[in-house]
Amino acid sequence: MKHTKNETQNSPHEAGDVPEPAVPAETVILSSRQVEELQKRAAKADESWDRLLRTTADFDNFKKRAARERQDAAKFANEGLIQKLIPILDNFEMALAAAGSGNAENIDSLKAGVAMIYQQLKAVLVEAGLEEVEAGGKPFDPNLHEAVSQQETDGVPDGHVARQLRKGYRLRERLLRPATVVVAKKPGAGSPAA
């Protein structure tokens, strides 16, 4: 590029002067009070940023701690129930030892002991929220009962449970196992006509 005479005379490099930085036309000159205010705001922004970083780290730590606590709660959820069942297990072991001795006198005490263990176990389970599903003589409910067959009978109304083969259980409102039942039907109701 060739320089014109005016350009070369105005060029600071040729004159040996250091060039001054170019100042845009929109440059705003701030007072010392405005600079102080901006510095305060910048310090406040830095403080807020640090607080945000600490809060974020605290929240991440909280989430990790809560996840660990949920895992521990699931892992040891049945601890109280198991502690209540251990004495029942001890009683069963004593009953089995008594049954192994073979004494005829021990038979009656063994029966009484097993009955007491049954009541003890049942009480612990009821305390934990276990409920038996009522079936005998009740209307058949497919939400609570599992029918395996029908039986003709006059003693039980049609569509009601004639016999319970296996007990059903709920844990509070949730069905754990339906009761296995035989459903009554009127005599001759399902027979082919002769």
N, C-alpha and C. Protein backbone atom coordinates (compact mmCIF):
# COMPACT_ATOMS: atom_id res chain seq x y z
N MET A 1 0.82 -1.17 0.00
CA MET A 1 0.00 0.00 0.00
C MET A 1 0.87 1.24 0.00
N LYS A 2 0.50 2.18 -0.78
CA LYS A 2 1.26 3.43 -0.84
C LYS A 2 0.59 4.44 0.05
N HIS A 3 1.43 5.21 0.71
CA HIS A 3 0.89 6.25 1.61
C HIS A 3 0.95 7.58 0.88
N THR A 4 -0.06 8.36 1.11
CA THR A 4 -0.05 9.70 0.55
C THR A 4 0.79 10.58 1.44
N LYS A 5 1.08 11.73 1.01
CA LYS A 5 1.94 12.63 1.76
C LYS A 5 1.31 13.00 3.09
N ASN A 6 -0.01 13.26 3.10
CA ASN A 6 -0.70 13.64 4.33
C ASN A 6 -0.71 12.49 5.33
N GLU A 7 -0.86 11.30 4.86
CA GLU A 7 -0.90 10.15 5.76
C GLU A 7 0.45 9.94 6.41
N THR A 8 1.52 10.09 5.64
CA THR A 8 2.84 9.85 6.21
C THR A 8 3.22 10.95 7.17
N GLN A 9 2.76 12.13 6.99
CA GLN A 9 3.12 13.19 7.91
C GLN A 9 2.35 13.04 9.21
N ASN A 10 1.13 12.54 9.16
CA ASN A 10 0.33 12.39 10.37
C ASN A 10 0.62 11.09 11.10
N SER A 11 1.37 10.21 10.53
CA SER A 11 1.64 8.92 11.15
C SER A 11 2.54 9.11 12.35
N PRO A 12 2.16 8.68 13.52
CA PRO A 12 2.96 8.86 14.72
C PRO A 12 4.20 7.99 14.71
N HIS A 13 4.18 6.88 13.96
CA HIS A 13 5.34 5.99 13.96
C HIS A 13 6.53 6.66 13.33
N GLU A 14 6.26 7.41 12.34
CA GLU A 14 7.37 8.05 11.65
C GLU A 14 7.89 9.22 12.45
N ALA A 15 7.06 9.82 13.24
CA ALA A 15 7.48 10.97 14.01
C ALA A 15 8.17 10.53 15.29
N GLY A 16 8.09 9.23 15.65
CA GLY A 16 8.74 8.72 16.85
C GLY A 16 7.86 8.81 18.07
N ASP A 17 6.63 9.24 17.91
CA ASP A 17 5.71 9.32 19.05
C ASP A 17 5.04 7.98 19.28
N VAL A 18 4.63 7.73 20.52
CA VAL A 18 3.87 6.53 20.87
C VAL A 18 2.41 6.82 20.58
N PRO A 19 1.73 5.90 19.89
CA PRO A 19 0.34 6.18 19.55
C PRO A 19 -0.56 6.17 20.77
N GLU A 20 -1.53 7.02 20.81
CA GLU A 20 -2.52 7.04 21.88
C GLU A 20 -3.62 6.05 21.52
N PRO A 21 -4.17 5.35 22.54
CA PRO A 21 -5.24 4.41 22.24
C PRO A 21 -6.43 5.15 21.66
N ALA A 22 -7.05 4.47 20.74
CA ALA A 22 -8.22 5.07 20.11
C ALA A 22 -9.37 5.05 21.09
N VAL A 23 -10.07 6.13 21.25
CA VAL A 23 -11.19 6.23 22.17
C VAL A 23 -12.45 6.28 21.34
N PRO A 24 -13.33 5.27 21.54
CA PRO A 24 -14.57 5.28 20.77
C PRO A 24 -15.40 6.49 21.15
N ALA A 25 -16.23 6.89 20.25
CA ALA A 25 -17.06 8.07 20.46
C ALA A 25 -18.07 7.85 21.58
N GLU A 26 -18.47 6.56 21.86
CA GLU A 26 -19.47 6.27 22.88
C GLU A 26 -18.88 6.15 24.28
N THR A 27 -17.64 6.32 24.48
CA THR A 27 -17.01 6.13 25.77
C THR A 27 -17.62 7.07 26.79
N VAL A 28 -17.94 6.47 27.97
CA VAL A 28 -18.54 7.24 29.05
C VAL A 28 -17.50 7.39 30.13
N ILE A 29 -17.33 8.53 30.59
CA ILE A 29 -16.38 8.78 31.67
C ILE A 29 -17.16 8.75 32.96
N LEU A 30 -16.67 7.92 33.92
CA LEU A 30 -17.37 7.73 35.18
C LEU A 30 -16.71 8.56 36.27
N SER A 31 -17.52 9.01 37.17
CA SER A 31 -16.99 9.74 38.32
C SER A 31 -16.44 8.73 39.31
N SER A 32 -15.67 9.19 40.24
CA SER A 32 -15.09 8.30 41.25
C SER A 32 -16.20 7.67 42.09
N ARG A 33 -17.27 8.38 42.33
CA ARG A 33 -18.40 7.83 43.08
C ARG A 33 -19.04 6.68 42.31
N GLN A 34 -19.20 6.81 41.01
CA GLN A 34 -19.78 5.77 40.17
C GLN A 34 -18.85 4.55 40.11
N VAL A 35 -17.56 4.80 40.05
CA VAL A 35 -16.59 3.70 40.05
C VAL A 35 -16.67 2.94 41.37
N GLU A 36 -16.78 3.69 42.49
CA GLU A 36 -16.91 3.06 43.80
C GLU A 36 -18.17 2.20 43.86
N GLU A 37 -19.28 2.73 43.34
CA GLU A 37 -20.54 2.00 43.34
C GLU A 37 -20.42 0.72 42.51
N LEU A 38 -19.78 0.81 41.36
CA LEU A 38 -19.57 -0.39 40.52
C LEU A 38 -18.69 -1.40 41.23
N GLN A 39 -17.69 -0.95 41.95
CA GLN A 39 -16.82 -1.87 42.69
C GLN A 39 -17.59 -2.57 43.79
N LYS A 40 -18.47 -1.81 44.47
CA LYS A 40 -19.31 -2.42 45.53
C LYS A 40 -20.22 -3.49 44.93
N ARG A 41 -20.82 -3.15 43.79
CA ARG A 41 -21.71 -4.11 43.13
C ARG A 41 -20.95 -5.34 42.67
N ALA A 42 -19.74 -5.15 42.16
CA ALA A 42 -18.92 -6.29 41.73
C ALA A 42 -18.56 -7.16 42.93
N ALA A 43 -18.24 -6.54 44.07
CA ALA A 43 -17.92 -7.31 45.28
C ALA A 43 -19.15 -8.08 45.75
N LYS A 44 -20.31 -7.42 45.68
CA LYS A 44 -21.56 -8.08 46.07
C LYS A 44 -21.87 -9.25 45.13
N ALA A 45 -21.63 -9.07 43.84
CA ALA A 45 -21.85 -10.14 42.87
C ALA A 45 -20.90 -11.31 43.14
N ASP A 46 -19.64 -11.01 43.47
CA ASP A 46 -18.69 -12.07 43.80
C ASP A 46 -19.15 -12.83 45.05
N GLU A 47 -19.64 -12.09 46.04
CA GLU A 47 -20.12 -12.71 47.27
C GLU A 47 -21.33 -13.60 46.98
N SER A 48 -22.23 -13.12 46.14
CA SER A 48 -23.41 -13.91 45.77
C SER A 48 -23.01 -15.16 45.00
N TRP A 49 -22.04 -15.04 44.13
CA TRP A 49 -21.56 -16.19 43.36
C TRP A 49 -20.96 -17.24 44.29
N ASP A 50 -20.15 -16.79 45.26
CA ASP A 50 -19.56 -17.73 46.23
C ASP A 50 -20.65 -18.42 47.04
N ARG A 51 -21.67 -17.64 47.45
CA ARG A 51 -22.77 -18.21 48.21
C ARG A 51 -23.52 -19.24 47.36
N LEU A 52 -23.73 -18.94 46.08
CA LEU A 52 -24.40 -19.88 45.18
C LEU A 52 -23.59 -21.17 45.04
N LEU A 53 -22.28 -21.05 44.91
CA LEU A 53 -21.43 -22.24 44.79
C LEU A 53 -21.51 -23.08 46.07
N ARG A 54 -21.46 -22.43 47.24
CA ARG A 54 -21.55 -23.16 48.51
C ARG A 54 -22.91 -23.84 48.65
N THR A 55 -23.98 -23.11 48.28
CA THR A 55 -25.33 -23.68 48.37
C THR A 55 -25.48 -24.87 47.43
N THR A 56 -24.94 -24.76 46.24
CA THR A 56 -25.00 -25.87 45.29
C THR A 56 -24.25 -27.08 45.83
N ALA A 57 -23.06 -26.84 46.40
CA ALA A 57 -22.29 -27.95 46.98
C ALA A 57 -23.04 -28.56 48.16
N ASP A 58 -23.64 -27.72 49.02
CA ASP A 58 -24.42 -28.23 50.15
C ASP A 58 -25.59 -29.07 49.66
N PHE A 59 -26.26 -28.61 48.61
CA PHE A 59 -27.41 -29.35 48.08
C PHE A 59 -26.97 -30.70 47.50
N ASP A 60 -25.85 -30.71 46.78
CA ASP A 60 -25.33 -31.99 46.24
C ASP A 60 -25.00 -32.95 47.38
N ASN A 61 -24.39 -32.44 48.45
CA ASN A 61 -24.08 -33.28 49.60
C ASN A 61 -25.34 -33.79 50.27
N PHE A 62 -26.36 -32.93 50.34
CA PHE A 62 -27.64 -33.35 50.91
C PHE A 62 -28.26 -34.48 50.10
N LYS A 63 -28.24 -34.34 48.76
CA LYS A 63 -28.81 -35.39 47.91
C LYS A 63 -28.07 -36.71 48.11
N LYS A 64 -26.75 -36.66 48.21
CA LYS A 64 -25.97 -37.89 48.42
C LYS A 64 -26.29 -38.50 49.78
N ARG A 65 -26.38 -37.66 50.82
CA ARG A 65 -26.69 -38.16 52.15
C ARG A 65 -28.09 -38.76 52.19
N ALA A 66 -29.06 -38.10 51.54
CA ALA A 66 -30.43 -38.62 51.51
C ALA A 66 -30.49 -39.95 50.78
N ALA A 67 -29.73 -40.10 49.70
CA ALA A 67 -29.70 -41.37 48.97
C ALA A 67 -29.11 -42.47 49.85
N ARG A 68 -28.05 -42.16 50.59
CA ARG A 68 -27.46 -43.15 51.51
C ARG A 68 -28.46 -43.54 52.59
N GLU A 69 -29.16 -42.54 53.13
CA GLU A 69 -30.14 -42.83 54.19
C GLU A 69 -31.28 -43.68 53.66
N ARG A 70 -31.73 -43.43 52.42
CA ARG A 70 -32.79 -44.27 51.83
C ARG A 70 -32.29 -45.70 51.66
N GLN A 71 -31.05 -45.87 51.22
CA GLN A 71 -30.50 -47.22 51.06
C GLN A 71 -30.42 -47.93 52.41
N ASP A 72 -29.97 -47.21 53.44
CA ASP A 72 -29.89 -47.81 54.77
C ASP A 72 -31.28 -48.14 55.30
N ALA A 73 -32.24 -47.25 55.07
CA ALA A 73 -33.60 -47.51 55.54
C ALA A 73 -34.18 -48.75 54.88
N ALA A 74 -33.94 -48.91 53.57
CA ALA A 74 -34.43 -50.10 52.87
C ALA A 74 -33.69 -51.35 53.35
N LYS A 75 -32.40 -51.21 53.58
CA LYS A 75 -31.58 -52.35 53.98
C LYS A 75 -31.96 -52.86 55.37
N PHE A 76 -32.28 -51.91 56.27
CA PHE A 76 -32.55 -52.30 57.66
C PHE A 76 -34.00 -52.05 58.05
N ALA A 77 -34.91 -51.99 57.09
CA ALA A 77 -36.31 -51.67 57.36
C ALA A 77 -36.96 -52.68 58.29
N ASN A 78 -36.58 -53.92 58.20
CA ASN A 78 -37.22 -54.98 58.98
C ASN A 78 -36.49 -55.29 60.29
N GLU A 79 -35.56 -54.44 60.66
CA GLU A 79 -34.76 -54.70 61.86
C GLU A 79 -35.64 -54.87 63.10
N GLY A 80 -36.58 -53.97 63.32
CA GLY A 80 -37.45 -54.06 64.50
C GLY A 80 -38.28 -55.33 64.50
N LEU A 81 -38.82 -55.68 63.33
CA LEU A 81 -39.63 -56.90 63.22
C LEU A 81 -38.77 -58.14 63.50
N ILE A 82 -37.59 -58.17 62.93
CA ILE A 82 -36.70 -59.32 63.14
C ILE A 82 -36.33 -59.46 64.62
N GLN A 83 -36.08 -58.33 65.28
CA GLN A 83 -35.76 -58.39 66.71
C GLN A 83 -36.91 -58.99 67.51
N LYS A 84 -38.14 -58.72 67.09
CA LYS A 84 -39.30 -59.29 67.78
C LYS A 84 -39.49 -60.77 67.45
N LEU A 85 -39.01 -61.21 66.28
CA LEU A 85 -39.16 -62.61 65.89
C LEU A 85 -38.08 -63.53 66.48
N ILE A 86 -36.96 -62.97 66.88
CA ILE A 86 -35.86 -63.80 67.42
C ILE A 86 -36.29 -64.60 68.65
N PRO A 87 -37.00 -64.02 69.64
CA PRO A 87 -37.44 -64.85 70.79
C PRO A 87 -38.36 -65.99 70.36
N ILE A 88 -39.16 -65.76 69.32
CA ILE A 88 -40.04 -66.82 68.83
C ILE A 88 -39.21 -67.94 68.24
N LEU A 89 -38.16 -67.58 67.52
CA LEU A 89 -37.24 -68.57 66.98
C LEU A 89 -36.60 -69.38 68.11
N ASP A 90 -36.22 -68.69 69.18
CA ASP A 90 -35.66 -69.39 70.36
C ASP A 90 -36.66 -70.39 70.92
N ASN A 91 -37.92 -69.98 71.02
CA ASN A 91 -38.95 -70.88 71.56
C ASN A 91 -39.16 -72.09 70.65
N PHE A 92 -39.11 -71.90 69.34
CA PHE A 92 -39.22 -73.03 68.42
C PHE A 92 -38.06 -74.00 68.63
N GLU A 93 -36.86 -73.48 68.81
CA GLU A 93 -35.70 -74.35 69.05
C GLU A 93 -35.87 -75.17 70.33
N MET A 94 -36.39 -74.53 71.38
CA MET A 94 -36.63 -75.27 72.63
C MET A 94 -37.70 -76.34 72.42
N ALA A 95 -38.74 -76.02 71.65
CA ALA A 95 -39.80 -76.98 71.39
C ALA A 95 -39.26 -78.17 70.60
N LEU A 96 -38.41 -77.90 69.61
CA LEU A 96 -37.82 -78.99 68.83
C LEU A 96 -36.92 -79.86 69.71
N ALA A 97 -36.19 -79.26 70.63
CA ALA A 97 -35.34 -80.03 71.54
C ALA A 97 -36.20 -80.91 72.44
N ALA A 98 -37.33 -80.37 72.91
CA ALA A 98 -38.23 -81.15 73.77
C ALA A 98 -38.85 -82.29 72.98
N ALA A 99 -39.18 -82.05 71.71
CA ALA A 99 -39.77 -83.10 70.88
C ALA A 99 -38.76 -84.20 70.60
N GLY A 100 -37.50 -83.85 70.53
CA GLY A 100 -36.45 -84.84 70.25
C GLY A 100 -36.15 -85.75 71.42
N SER A 101 -36.57 -85.37 72.62
CA SER A 101 -36.27 -86.20 73.80
C SER A 101 -37.09 -87.48 73.81
N GLY A 102 -38.28 -87.48 73.17
CA GLY A 102 -39.08 -88.69 73.02
C GLY A 102 -39.89 -89.07 74.24
N ASN A 103 -39.95 -88.27 75.27
CA ASN A 103 -40.75 -88.55 76.45
C ASN A 103 -42.23 -88.40 76.14
N ALA A 104 -43.05 -89.34 76.57
CA ALA A 104 -44.49 -89.28 76.34
C ALA A 104 -45.10 -88.11 77.12
N GLU A 105 -44.51 -87.80 78.28
CA GLU A 105 -45.00 -86.69 79.09
C GLU A 105 -44.78 -85.35 78.38
N ASN A 106 -43.75 -85.31 77.56
CA ASN A 106 -43.41 -84.06 76.88
C ASN A 106 -44.38 -83.72 75.74
N ILE A 107 -45.17 -84.69 75.28
CA ILE A 107 -46.07 -84.46 74.16
C ILE A 107 -47.08 -83.36 74.49
N ASP A 108 -47.71 -83.46 75.66
CA ASP A 108 -48.69 -82.44 76.03
C ASP A 108 -48.03 -81.08 76.22
N SER A 109 -46.88 -81.07 76.87
CA SER A 109 -46.20 -79.78 77.07
C SER A 109 -45.70 -79.24 75.73
N LEU A 110 -45.33 -80.13 74.80
CA LEU A 110 -44.91 -79.71 73.48
C LEU A 110 -46.08 -79.06 72.73
N LYS A 111 -47.26 -79.67 72.80
CA LYS A 111 -48.44 -79.10 72.16
C LYS A 111 -48.75 -77.71 72.74
N ALA A 112 -48.70 -77.59 74.05
CA ALA A 112 -48.97 -76.31 74.70
C ALA A 112 -47.91 -75.28 74.31
N GLY A 113 -46.67 -75.72 74.25
CA GLY A 113 -45.58 -74.81 73.88
C GLY A 113 -45.72 -74.31 72.44
N VAL A 114 -46.06 -75.21 71.53
CA VAL A 114 -46.24 -74.82 70.12
C VAL A 114 -47.42 -73.87 69.99
N ALA A 115 -48.49 -74.11 70.74
CA ALA A 115 -49.65 -73.21 70.71
C ALA A 115 -49.26 -71.82 71.21
N MET A 116 -48.44 -71.77 72.26
CA MET A 116 -47.98 -70.47 72.78
C MET A 116 -47.08 -69.76 71.76
N ILE A 117 -46.22 -70.51 71.10
CA ILE A 117 -45.34 -69.93 70.08
C ILE A 117 -46.18 -69.37 68.93
N TYR A 118 -47.22 -70.10 68.54
CA TYR A 118 -48.11 -69.64 67.47
C TYR A 118 -48.75 -68.32 67.86
N GLN A 119 -49.28 -68.24 69.09
CA GLN A 119 -49.91 -67.00 69.56
C GLN A 119 -48.91 -65.85 69.62
N GLN A 120 -47.69 -66.16 70.05
CA GLN A 120 -46.65 -65.14 70.14
C GLN A 120 -46.31 -64.61 68.74
N LEU A 121 -46.15 -65.52 67.79
CA LEU A 121 -45.83 -65.12 66.41
C LEU A 121 -46.97 -64.31 65.81
N LYS A 122 -48.18 -64.77 66.02
CA LYS A 122 -49.35 -64.07 65.48
C LYS A 122 -49.45 -62.65 66.05
N ALA A 123 -49.19 -62.49 67.35
CA ALA A 123 -49.25 -61.17 67.98
C ALA A 123 -48.21 -60.23 67.40
N VAL A 124 -47.01 -60.72 67.14
CA VAL A 124 -45.96 -59.88 66.56
C VAL A 124 -46.35 -59.44 65.15
N LEU A 125 -46.89 -60.35 64.37
CA LEU A 125 -47.28 -60.02 63.00
C LEU A 125 -48.46 -59.06 62.95
N VAL A 126 -49.43 -59.23 63.85
CA VAL A 126 -50.57 -58.31 63.92
C VAL A 126 -50.07 -56.92 64.31
N GLU A 127 -49.14 -56.86 65.25
CA GLU A 127 -48.57 -55.58 65.67
C GLU A 127 -47.86 -54.89 64.50
N ALA A 128 -47.27 -55.69 63.60
CA ALA A 128 -46.58 -55.14 62.43
C ALA A 128 -47.56 -54.74 61.32
N GLY A 129 -48.86 -55.03 61.49
CA GLY A 129 -49.86 -54.60 60.51
C GLY A 129 -50.46 -55.72 59.68
N LEU A 130 -50.15 -56.97 60.00
CA LEU A 130 -50.69 -58.09 59.24
C LEU A 130 -52.13 -58.36 59.67
N GLU A 131 -53.01 -58.53 58.68
CA GLU A 131 -54.42 -58.84 58.94
C GLU A 131 -54.82 -60.06 58.12
N GLU A 132 -55.65 -60.91 58.71
CA GLU A 132 -56.17 -62.06 57.96
C GLU A 132 -57.33 -61.59 57.10
N VAL A 133 -57.42 -62.15 55.90
CA VAL A 133 -58.55 -61.87 55.02
C VAL A 133 -59.68 -62.79 55.45
N GLU A 134 -60.82 -62.20 55.78
CA GLU A 134 -61.97 -63.01 56.20
C GLU A 134 -62.60 -63.66 54.98
N ALA A 135 -62.87 -64.94 55.08
CA ALA A 135 -63.40 -65.64 53.91
C ALA A 135 -64.62 -66.49 54.24
N GLY A 136 -64.55 -67.30 55.28
CA GLY A 136 -65.60 -68.27 55.58
C GLY A 136 -66.99 -67.65 55.68
N GLY A 137 -67.91 -68.09 54.81
CA GLY A 137 -69.29 -67.63 54.83
C GLY A 137 -69.50 -66.26 54.21
N LYS A 138 -68.46 -65.61 53.80
CA LYS A 138 -68.55 -64.27 53.20
C LYS A 138 -68.84 -64.40 51.71
N PRO A 139 -69.41 -63.36 51.10
CA PRO A 139 -69.59 -63.38 49.64
C PRO A 139 -68.22 -63.45 48.95
N PHE A 140 -68.14 -64.21 47.87
CA PHE A 140 -66.89 -64.33 47.14
C PHE A 140 -66.49 -62.97 46.58
N ASP A 141 -65.25 -62.56 46.84
CA ASP A 141 -64.71 -61.28 46.34
C ASP A 141 -63.40 -61.59 45.61
N PRO A 142 -63.38 -61.46 44.28
CA PRO A 142 -62.17 -61.79 43.53
C PRO A 142 -60.98 -60.90 43.88
N ASN A 143 -61.23 -59.78 44.55
CA ASN A 143 -60.13 -58.93 44.99
C ASN A 143 -59.44 -59.46 46.24
N LEU A 144 -60.13 -60.33 46.98
CA LEU A 144 -59.59 -60.86 48.22
C LEU A 144 -59.47 -62.38 48.24
N HIS A 145 -60.22 -63.04 47.36
CA HIS A 145 -60.27 -64.51 47.37
C HIS A 145 -59.83 -65.08 46.03
N GLU A 146 -59.26 -66.25 46.10
CA GLU A 146 -58.89 -67.00 44.89
C GLU A 146 -59.69 -68.30 44.91
N ALA A 147 -60.64 -68.42 44.00
CA ALA A 147 -61.49 -69.61 43.95
C ALA A 147 -60.76 -70.71 43.19
N VAL A 148 -60.71 -71.91 43.81
CA VAL A 148 -60.08 -73.05 43.14
C VAL A 148 -61.12 -74.05 42.66
N SER A 149 -62.33 -73.97 43.24
CA SER A 149 -63.40 -74.85 42.78
C SER A 149 -64.74 -74.35 43.33
N GLN A 150 -65.80 -75.06 42.92
CA GLN A 150 -67.14 -74.78 43.43
C GLN A 150 -67.65 -76.05 44.08
N GLN A 151 -68.55 -75.86 45.03
CA GLN A 151 -69.12 -77.01 45.74
C GLN A 151 -70.62 -76.79 45.88
N GLU A 152 -71.37 -77.81 45.51
CA GLU A 152 -72.82 -77.73 45.67
C GLU A 152 -73.14 -77.91 47.14
N THR A 153 -73.93 -76.98 47.67
CA THR A 153 -74.31 -77.07 49.08
C THR A 153 -75.57 -76.25 49.33
N ASP A 154 -76.36 -76.73 50.30
CA ASP A 154 -77.54 -75.98 50.74
C ASP A 154 -77.22 -75.12 51.95
N GLY A 155 -76.10 -75.44 52.63
CA GLY A 155 -75.75 -74.77 53.89
C GLY A 155 -75.18 -73.36 53.71
N VAL A 156 -74.71 -73.04 52.53
CA VAL A 156 -74.09 -71.72 52.29
C VAL A 156 -74.75 -71.11 51.08
N PRO A 157 -75.08 -69.81 51.14
CA PRO A 157 -75.74 -69.18 49.98
C PRO A 157 -74.86 -69.25 48.73
N ASP A 158 -75.54 -69.27 47.60
CA ASP A 158 -74.86 -69.32 46.30
C ASP A 158 -73.92 -68.12 46.16
N GLY A 159 -72.69 -68.36 45.70
CA GLY A 159 -71.72 -67.28 45.48
C GLY A 159 -70.96 -66.88 46.73
N HIS A 160 -71.19 -67.58 47.83
CA HIS A 160 -70.44 -67.30 49.06
C HIS A 160 -69.34 -68.34 49.23
N VAL A 161 -68.41 -68.08 50.10
CA VAL A 161 -67.30 -69.01 50.35
C VAL A 161 -67.83 -70.17 51.19
N ALA A 162 -67.71 -71.38 50.64
CA ALA A 162 -68.14 -72.59 51.36
C ALA A 162 -67.04 -73.08 52.29
N ARG A 163 -65.79 -73.03 51.81
CA ARG A 163 -64.64 -73.49 52.62
C ARG A 163 -63.43 -72.64 52.28
N GLN A 164 -62.61 -72.44 53.28
CA GLN A 164 -61.34 -71.76 53.06
C GLN A 164 -60.25 -72.82 53.12
N LEU A 165 -59.46 -72.91 52.06
CA LEU A 165 -58.39 -73.91 52.02
C LEU A 165 -57.07 -73.34 52.54
N ARG A 166 -56.86 -72.06 52.31
CA ARG A 166 -55.63 -71.41 52.79
C ARG A 166 -55.97 -69.98 53.14
N LYS A 167 -55.47 -69.49 54.27
CA LYS A 167 -55.75 -68.12 54.70
C LYS A 167 -55.10 -67.11 53.77
N GLY A 168 -55.77 -65.98 53.64
CA GLY A 168 -55.22 -64.85 52.91
C GLY A 168 -54.78 -63.79 53.90
N TYR A 169 -53.85 -62.92 53.47
CA TYR A 169 -53.32 -61.89 54.37
C TYR A 169 -53.18 -60.56 53.66
N ARG A 170 -53.40 -59.49 54.47
CA ARG A 170 -53.16 -58.13 54.02
C ARG A 170 -52.15 -57.50 54.96
N LEU A 171 -51.35 -56.61 54.42
CA LEU A 171 -50.50 -55.76 55.25
C LEU A 171 -51.15 -54.39 55.18
N ARG A 172 -51.86 -54.07 56.25
CA ARG A 172 -52.72 -52.88 56.30
C ARG A 172 -53.72 -52.93 55.14
N GLU A 173 -53.65 -52.03 54.17
CA GLU A 173 -54.64 -52.06 53.07
C GLU A 173 -54.16 -52.87 51.87
N ARG A 174 -52.92 -53.29 51.83
CA ARG A 174 -52.36 -53.98 50.66
C ARG A 174 -52.50 -55.49 50.81
N LEU A 175 -53.06 -56.12 49.79
CA LEU A 175 -53.23 -57.57 49.79
C LEU A 175 -51.88 -58.24 49.54
N LEU A 176 -51.47 -59.11 50.48
CA LEU A 176 -50.23 -59.87 50.30
C LEU A 176 -50.50 -61.20 49.61
N ARG A 177 -51.57 -61.86 50.03
CA ARG A 177 -51.93 -63.15 49.46
C ARG A 177 -53.44 -63.33 49.58
N PRO A 178 -54.10 -63.66 48.47
CA PRO A 178 -55.56 -63.87 48.56
C PRO A 178 -55.85 -65.19 49.29
N ALA A 179 -57.01 -65.25 49.90
CA ALA A 179 -57.45 -66.50 50.54
C ALA A 179 -57.86 -67.48 49.44
N THR A 180 -57.39 -68.71 49.56
CA THR A 180 -57.76 -69.76 48.60
C THR A 180 -59.05 -70.39 49.12
N VAL A 181 -60.10 -70.37 48.28
CA VAL A 181 -61.42 -70.78 48.76
C VAL A 181 -62.13 -71.68 47.77
N VAL A 182 -63.17 -72.34 48.30
CA VAL A 182 -64.13 -73.10 47.50
C VAL A 182 -65.43 -72.32 47.58
N VAL A 183 -66.03 -72.04 46.43
CA VAL A 183 -67.24 -71.21 46.37
C VAL A 183 -68.47 -72.10 46.30
N ALA A 184 -69.49 -71.72 47.06
CA ALA A 184 -70.74 -72.50 47.10
C ALA A 184 -71.61 -72.21 45.88
N LYS A 185 -72.31 -73.25 45.44
CA LYS A 185 -73.32 -73.06 44.41
C LYS A 185 -74.53 -73.91 44.78
N LYS A 186 -75.68 -73.54 44.25
CA LYS A 186 -76.90 -74.28 44.56
C LYS A 186 -76.80 -75.68 43.99
N PRO A 187 -77.35 -76.66 44.69
CA PRO A 187 -77.33 -78.01 44.15
C PRO A 187 -78.09 -78.07 42.81
N GLY A 188 -77.49 -78.72 41.86
CA GLY A 188 -78.10 -78.88 40.53
C GLY A 188 -77.96 -77.68 39.65
N ALA A 189 -77.30 -76.62 40.10
CA ALA A 189 -77.19 -75.40 39.30
C ALA A 189 -76.28 -75.60 38.10
N GLY A 190 -75.27 -76.43 38.23
CA GLY A 190 -74.35 -76.60 37.10
C GLY A 190 -74.51 -77.94 36.42
N SER A 191 -75.51 -78.72 36.82
CA SER A 191 -75.69 -80.06 36.25
C SER A 191 -76.45 -79.98 34.94
N PRO A 192 -76.10 -80.84 33.96
CA PRO A 192 -76.87 -80.87 32.71
C PRO A 192 -78.26 -81.44 32.97
N ALA A 193 -79.27 -80.97 32.26
CA ALA A 193 -80.65 -81.42 32.44
C ALA A 193 -80.79 -82.83 31.93
N ALA A 194 -81.57 -83.66 32.67
CA ALA A 194 -81.76 -85.07 32.28
C ALA A 194 -83.01 -85.27 31.52
